[in-house]
Amino acid sequence: MAQVVATINGRSYPIACNEGEEQRIAELARYVDAKVKTFARDLGQIGEARLLVLAALVLADELADAQSGKGGATLANGDAAHDGKLAAGVADLAERIEAIAARLEASHV
């Protein structure tokens, strides 16, 4: 099993993935990081867990819109097959981020 270190909001998270998926996971992590950075800039550092949950919710909303055919921006290069794979990867990464956020939130209680 391969591993990628994703840096989100300045923190590093090791992500296990299948061999050959490293570049895709790194691309997804950069996408998530851009979302989190935007929220941090707009809302301030409201807490790591909240930023990650907010990013996960927004990404899930984007995925739902893409799956329902509402259009919107494509996630990658405009190729529907690639976008579908990328959207599925974003959903998977969002679930992982939600799990990390839940662990972070539980450790701060």
N, C-alpha and C. Protein backbone atom coordinates (compact mmCIF):
# COMPACT_ATOMS: atom_id res chain seq x y z
N MET A 1 0.85 -1.17 0.00
CA MET A 1 0.00 0.00 0.00
C MET A 1 0.89 1.23 0.00
N ALA A 2 0.53 2.18 -0.84
CA ALA A 2 1.28 3.42 -0.95
C ALA A 2 0.76 4.42 0.08
N GLN A 3 1.51 5.49 0.24
CA GLN A 3 1.12 6.53 1.18
C GLN A 3 1.49 7.89 0.62
N VAL A 4 0.61 8.86 0.83
CA VAL A 4 0.83 10.24 0.42
C VAL A 4 0.68 11.09 1.67
N VAL A 5 1.52 12.08 1.81
CA VAL A 5 1.36 13.02 2.92
C VAL A 5 0.65 14.25 2.36
N ALA A 6 -0.60 14.42 2.79
CA ALA A 6 -1.40 15.56 2.35
C ALA A 6 -1.21 16.69 3.36
N THR A 7 -0.96 17.88 2.87
CA THR A 7 -0.84 19.04 3.76
C THR A 7 -2.09 19.88 3.58
N ILE A 8 -2.86 19.97 4.65
CA ILE A 8 -4.10 20.73 4.66
C ILE A 8 -3.98 21.79 5.74
N ASN A 9 -4.10 23.05 5.35
CA ASN A 9 -4.03 24.16 6.29
C ASN A 9 -2.74 24.11 7.13
N GLY A 10 -1.66 23.73 6.46
CA GLY A 10 -0.36 23.72 7.13
C GLY A 10 -0.08 22.49 7.97
N ARG A 11 -1.01 21.57 8.08
CA ARG A 11 -0.79 20.34 8.85
C ARG A 11 -0.68 19.17 7.90
N SER A 12 0.19 18.23 8.25
CA SER A 12 0.42 17.07 7.40
C SER A 12 -0.40 15.88 7.88
N TYR A 13 -1.02 15.19 6.91
CA TYR A 13 -1.83 14.01 7.19
C TYR A 13 -1.37 12.89 6.28
N PRO A 14 -0.88 11.78 6.84
CA PRO A 14 -0.53 10.65 5.98
C PRO A 14 -1.81 9.96 5.51
N ILE A 15 -1.89 9.72 4.21
CA ILE A 15 -3.07 9.10 3.60
C ILE A 15 -2.61 7.82 2.89
N ALA A 16 -3.16 6.70 3.30
CA ALA A 16 -2.87 5.44 2.63
C ALA A 16 -3.71 5.36 1.36
N CYS A 17 -3.12 4.82 0.30
CA CYS A 17 -3.84 4.66 -0.96
C CYS A 17 -3.25 3.47 -1.71
N ASN A 18 -3.93 3.07 -2.76
CA ASN A 18 -3.44 1.99 -3.60
C ASN A 18 -2.26 2.48 -4.43
N GLU A 19 -1.38 1.55 -4.78
CA GLU A 19 -0.25 1.88 -5.65
C GLU A 19 -0.76 2.54 -6.92
N GLY A 20 -0.12 3.60 -7.34
CA GLY A 20 -0.50 4.29 -8.55
C GLY A 20 -1.51 5.41 -8.35
N GLU A 21 -2.09 5.52 -7.17
CA GLU A 21 -3.07 6.57 -6.89
C GLU A 21 -2.46 7.78 -6.19
N GLU A 22 -1.15 7.76 -6.00
CA GLU A 22 -0.50 8.82 -5.25
C GLU A 22 -0.74 10.21 -5.86
N GLN A 23 -0.60 10.31 -7.17
CA GLN A 23 -0.76 11.61 -7.82
C GLN A 23 -2.20 12.10 -7.68
N ARG A 24 -3.15 11.20 -7.83
CA ARG A 24 -4.56 11.56 -7.71
C ARG A 24 -4.89 12.04 -6.30
N ILE A 25 -4.40 11.33 -5.30
CA ILE A 25 -4.64 11.72 -3.91
C ILE A 25 -3.99 13.07 -3.63
N ALA A 26 -2.78 13.28 -4.15
CA ALA A 26 -2.11 14.57 -3.96
C ALA A 26 -2.91 15.69 -4.60
N GLU A 27 -3.48 15.43 -5.78
CA GLU A 27 -4.30 16.42 -6.47
C GLU A 27 -5.56 16.74 -5.65
N LEU A 28 -6.19 15.71 -5.13
CA LEU A 28 -7.37 15.91 -4.28
C LEU A 28 -7.03 16.69 -3.02
N ALA A 29 -5.89 16.37 -2.44
CA ALA A 29 -5.47 17.07 -1.22
C ALA A 29 -5.24 18.55 -1.51
N ARG A 30 -4.65 18.86 -2.65
CA ARG A 30 -4.45 20.28 -3.00
C ARG A 30 -5.80 20.98 -3.17
N TYR A 31 -6.77 20.30 -3.73
CA TYR A 31 -8.11 20.85 -3.91
C TYR A 31 -8.75 21.14 -2.55
N VAL A 32 -8.66 20.16 -1.64
CA VAL A 32 -9.21 20.33 -0.29
C VAL A 32 -8.47 21.46 0.43
N ASP A 33 -7.15 21.48 0.31
CA ASP A 33 -6.36 22.52 0.96
C ASP A 33 -6.78 23.90 0.48
N ALA A 34 -7.04 24.05 -0.80
CA ALA A 34 -7.48 25.33 -1.34
C ALA A 34 -8.80 25.76 -0.72
N LYS A 35 -9.72 24.80 -0.55
CA LYS A 35 -11.01 25.10 0.09
C LYS A 35 -10.79 25.55 1.54
N VAL A 36 -10.00 24.79 2.27
CA VAL A 36 -9.76 25.10 3.68
C VAL A 36 -9.07 26.46 3.82
N LYS A 37 -8.10 26.73 2.97
CA LYS A 37 -7.41 28.02 3.01
C LYS A 37 -8.38 29.17 2.76
N THR A 38 -9.30 28.97 1.83
CA THR A 38 -10.31 30.00 1.56
C THR A 38 -11.16 30.25 2.80
N PHE A 39 -11.61 29.18 3.45
CA PHE A 39 -12.43 29.34 4.65
C PHE A 39 -11.63 29.99 5.77
N ALA A 40 -10.38 29.58 5.93
CA ALA A 40 -9.53 30.16 6.98
C ALA A 40 -9.32 31.65 6.72
N ARG A 41 -9.14 32.01 5.46
CA ARG A 41 -8.95 33.42 5.11
C ARG A 41 -10.23 34.21 5.38
N ASP A 42 -11.38 33.63 4.99
CA ASP A 42 -12.65 34.34 5.12
C ASP A 42 -13.19 34.34 6.55
N LEU A 43 -12.98 33.26 7.28
CA LEU A 43 -13.57 33.09 8.61
C LEU A 43 -12.57 33.19 9.75
N GLY A 44 -11.29 33.15 9.42
CA GLY A 44 -10.26 33.11 10.45
C GLY A 44 -10.00 31.67 10.87
N GLN A 45 -9.03 31.49 11.73
CA GLN A 45 -8.72 30.14 12.21
C GLN A 45 -9.74 29.76 13.28
N ILE A 46 -10.86 29.21 12.82
CA ILE A 46 -11.97 28.86 13.71
C ILE A 46 -11.82 27.46 14.31
N GLY A 47 -10.68 26.89 14.14
CA GLY A 47 -10.42 25.54 14.65
C GLY A 47 -10.26 24.57 13.51
N GLU A 48 -9.26 23.72 13.66
CA GLU A 48 -8.95 22.75 12.60
C GLU A 48 -10.14 21.86 12.27
N ALA A 49 -10.78 21.33 13.28
CA ALA A 49 -11.90 20.42 13.05
C ALA A 49 -13.03 21.12 12.30
N ARG A 50 -13.36 22.33 12.71
CA ARG A 50 -14.46 23.05 12.05
C ARG A 50 -14.11 23.38 10.60
N LEU A 51 -12.87 23.78 10.36
CA LEU A 51 -12.46 24.07 8.98
C LEU A 51 -12.56 22.82 8.11
N LEU A 52 -12.11 21.69 8.65
CA LEU A 52 -12.15 20.44 7.88
C LEU A 52 -13.58 19.98 7.63
N VAL A 53 -14.43 20.11 8.64
CA VAL A 53 -15.83 19.71 8.47
C VAL A 53 -16.51 20.63 7.45
N LEU A 54 -16.25 21.92 7.54
CA LEU A 54 -16.83 22.85 6.58
C LEU A 54 -16.38 22.50 5.16
N ALA A 55 -15.10 22.23 4.99
CA ALA A 55 -14.60 21.84 3.66
C ALA A 55 -15.25 20.56 3.19
N ALA A 56 -15.39 19.59 4.07
CA ALA A 56 -16.01 18.32 3.69
C ALA A 56 -17.46 18.53 3.27
N LEU A 57 -18.18 19.38 3.98
CA LEU A 57 -19.57 19.64 3.63
C LEU A 57 -19.69 20.34 2.27
N VAL A 58 -18.84 21.31 2.04
CA VAL A 58 -18.87 22.02 0.76
C VAL A 58 -18.50 21.08 -0.38
N LEU A 59 -17.50 20.25 -0.17
CA LEU A 59 -17.10 19.29 -1.20
C LEU A 59 -18.21 18.27 -1.46
N ALA A 60 -18.88 17.82 -0.41
CA ALA A 60 -19.99 16.90 -0.58
C ALA A 60 -21.12 17.57 -1.36
N ASP A 61 -21.36 18.85 -1.09
CA ASP A 61 -22.38 19.61 -1.82
C ASP A 61 -22.00 19.73 -3.30
N GLU A 62 -20.74 20.02 -3.58
CA GLU A 62 -20.28 20.10 -4.97
C GLU A 62 -20.45 18.76 -5.66
N LEU A 63 -20.14 17.68 -4.96
CA LEU A 63 -20.29 16.34 -5.53
C LEU A 63 -21.75 16.04 -5.81
N ALA A 64 -22.63 16.38 -4.88
CA ALA A 64 -24.06 16.14 -5.08
C ALA A 64 -24.57 16.92 -6.29
N ASP A 65 -24.13 18.18 -6.42
CA ASP A 65 -24.52 18.97 -7.58
C ASP A 65 -24.02 18.34 -8.87
N ALA A 66 -22.78 17.88 -8.87
CA ALA A 66 -22.20 17.26 -10.07
C ALA A 66 -22.95 15.98 -10.43
N GLN A 67 -23.32 15.19 -9.42
CA GLN A 67 -24.02 13.94 -9.68
C GLN A 67 -25.46 14.16 -10.13
N SER A 68 -26.06 15.26 -9.69
CA SER A 68 -27.45 15.52 -10.07
C SER A 68 -27.54 16.25 -11.41
N GLY A 69 -26.39 16.58 -11.98
CA GLY A 69 -26.37 17.22 -13.28
C GLY A 69 -26.68 18.70 -13.25
N LYS A 70 -26.49 19.34 -12.11
CA LYS A 70 -26.75 20.78 -12.01
C LYS A 70 -25.68 21.61 -12.67
N GLY A 71 -24.70 20.94 -13.23
CA GLY A 71 -23.65 21.69 -13.92
C GLY A 71 -22.62 22.17 -12.94
N GLY A 72 -22.38 23.45 -12.93
CA GLY A 72 -21.35 23.99 -12.06
C GLY A 72 -19.98 23.77 -12.67
N ALA A 73 -18.97 24.14 -11.95
CA ALA A 73 -17.60 24.01 -12.44
C ALA A 73 -17.19 22.55 -12.44
N THR A 74 -16.41 22.18 -13.43
CA THR A 74 -15.85 20.84 -13.42
C THR A 74 -14.71 20.81 -12.43
N LEU A 75 -14.43 19.65 -11.92
CA LEU A 75 -13.39 19.51 -10.91
C LEU A 75 -12.00 19.47 -11.50
N ALA A 76 -11.88 19.04 -12.74
CA ALA A 76 -10.54 18.85 -13.28
C ALA A 76 -10.42 19.51 -14.65
N ASN A 77 -10.33 18.69 -15.68
CA ASN A 77 -10.01 19.21 -17.00
C ASN A 77 -11.21 19.24 -17.94
N GLY A 78 -12.42 19.04 -17.43
CA GLY A 78 -13.60 19.06 -18.28
C GLY A 78 -13.96 17.72 -18.86
N ASP A 79 -13.13 16.72 -18.74
CA ASP A 79 -13.40 15.38 -19.23
C ASP A 79 -14.34 14.69 -18.24
N ALA A 80 -15.53 14.30 -18.69
CA ALA A 80 -16.55 13.77 -17.79
C ALA A 80 -16.07 12.52 -17.05
N ALA A 81 -15.40 11.61 -17.74
CA ALA A 81 -14.92 10.39 -17.07
C ALA A 81 -13.90 10.72 -15.99
N HIS A 82 -12.98 11.62 -16.32
CA HIS A 82 -11.96 12.01 -15.33
C HIS A 82 -12.61 12.74 -14.17
N ASP A 83 -13.57 13.64 -14.49
CA ASP A 83 -14.26 14.38 -13.44
C ASP A 83 -15.03 13.45 -12.51
N GLY A 84 -15.63 12.40 -13.08
CA GLY A 84 -16.36 11.44 -12.26
C GLY A 84 -15.43 10.72 -11.30
N LYS A 85 -14.27 10.32 -11.78
CA LYS A 85 -13.28 9.68 -10.90
C LYS A 85 -12.78 10.65 -9.85
N LEU A 86 -12.54 11.88 -10.27
CA LEU A 86 -12.06 12.89 -9.32
C LEU A 86 -13.13 13.18 -8.28
N ALA A 87 -14.39 13.27 -8.70
CA ALA A 87 -15.49 13.52 -7.77
C ALA A 87 -15.60 12.38 -6.76
N ALA A 88 -15.46 11.15 -7.22
CA ALA A 88 -15.50 10.01 -6.31
C ALA A 88 -14.33 10.07 -5.34
N GLY A 89 -13.17 10.48 -5.83
CA GLY A 89 -12.01 10.64 -4.95
C GLY A 89 -12.23 11.73 -3.93
N VAL A 90 -12.85 12.84 -4.35
CA VAL A 90 -13.14 13.92 -3.41
C VAL A 90 -14.10 13.42 -2.33
N ALA A 91 -15.10 12.65 -2.73
CA ALA A 91 -16.04 12.11 -1.74
C ALA A 91 -15.32 11.21 -0.75
N ASP A 92 -14.44 10.36 -1.26
CA ASP A 92 -13.68 9.47 -0.37
C ASP A 92 -12.79 10.28 0.57
N LEU A 93 -12.11 11.28 0.02
CA LEU A 93 -11.25 12.11 0.83
C LEU A 93 -12.07 12.91 1.85
N ALA A 94 -13.25 13.36 1.46
CA ALA A 94 -14.12 14.09 2.38
C ALA A 94 -14.51 13.21 3.56
N GLU A 95 -14.80 11.93 3.30
CA GLU A 95 -15.11 11.01 4.39
C GLU A 95 -13.92 10.85 5.32
N ARG A 96 -12.74 10.75 4.75
CA ARG A 96 -11.53 10.63 5.57
C ARG A 96 -11.32 11.89 6.41
N ILE A 97 -11.55 13.04 5.80
CA ILE A 97 -11.39 14.30 6.52
C ILE A 97 -12.41 14.41 7.65
N GLU A 98 -13.64 13.99 7.39
CA GLU A 98 -14.65 14.02 8.43
C GLU A 98 -14.25 13.13 9.61
N ALA A 99 -13.67 11.97 9.32
CA ALA A 99 -13.20 11.08 10.38
C ALA A 99 -12.07 11.73 11.18
N ILE A 100 -11.14 12.39 10.48
CA ILE A 100 -10.05 13.09 11.16
C ILE A 100 -10.61 14.22 12.01
N ALA A 101 -11.56 14.97 11.45
CA ALA A 101 -12.16 16.08 12.19
C ALA A 101 -12.87 15.58 13.44
N ALA A 102 -13.56 14.46 13.32
CA ALA A 102 -14.25 13.90 14.48
C ALA A 102 -13.25 13.50 15.56
N ARG A 103 -12.12 12.91 15.16
CA ARG A 103 -11.09 12.55 16.14
C ARG A 103 -10.50 13.80 16.78
N LEU A 104 -10.26 14.84 15.97
CA LEU A 104 -9.73 16.09 16.52
C LEU A 104 -10.71 16.72 17.49
N GLU A 105 -11.98 16.73 17.12
CA GLU A 105 -13.00 17.32 17.97
C GLU A 105 -13.11 16.53 19.28
N ALA A 106 -13.06 15.22 19.20
CA ALA A 106 -13.15 14.39 20.41
C ALA A 106 -11.95 14.59 21.32
N SER A 107 -10.79 14.85 20.74
CA SER A 107 -9.59 15.03 21.57
C SER A 107 -9.56 16.39 22.25
N HIS A 108 -10.41 17.33 21.80
CA HIS A 108 -10.45 18.68 22.38
C HIS A 108 -11.63 18.86 23.32
N VAL A 109 -12.34 17.80 23.61
CA VAL A 109 -13.51 17.91 24.50
C VAL A 109 -13.10 17.88 25.93
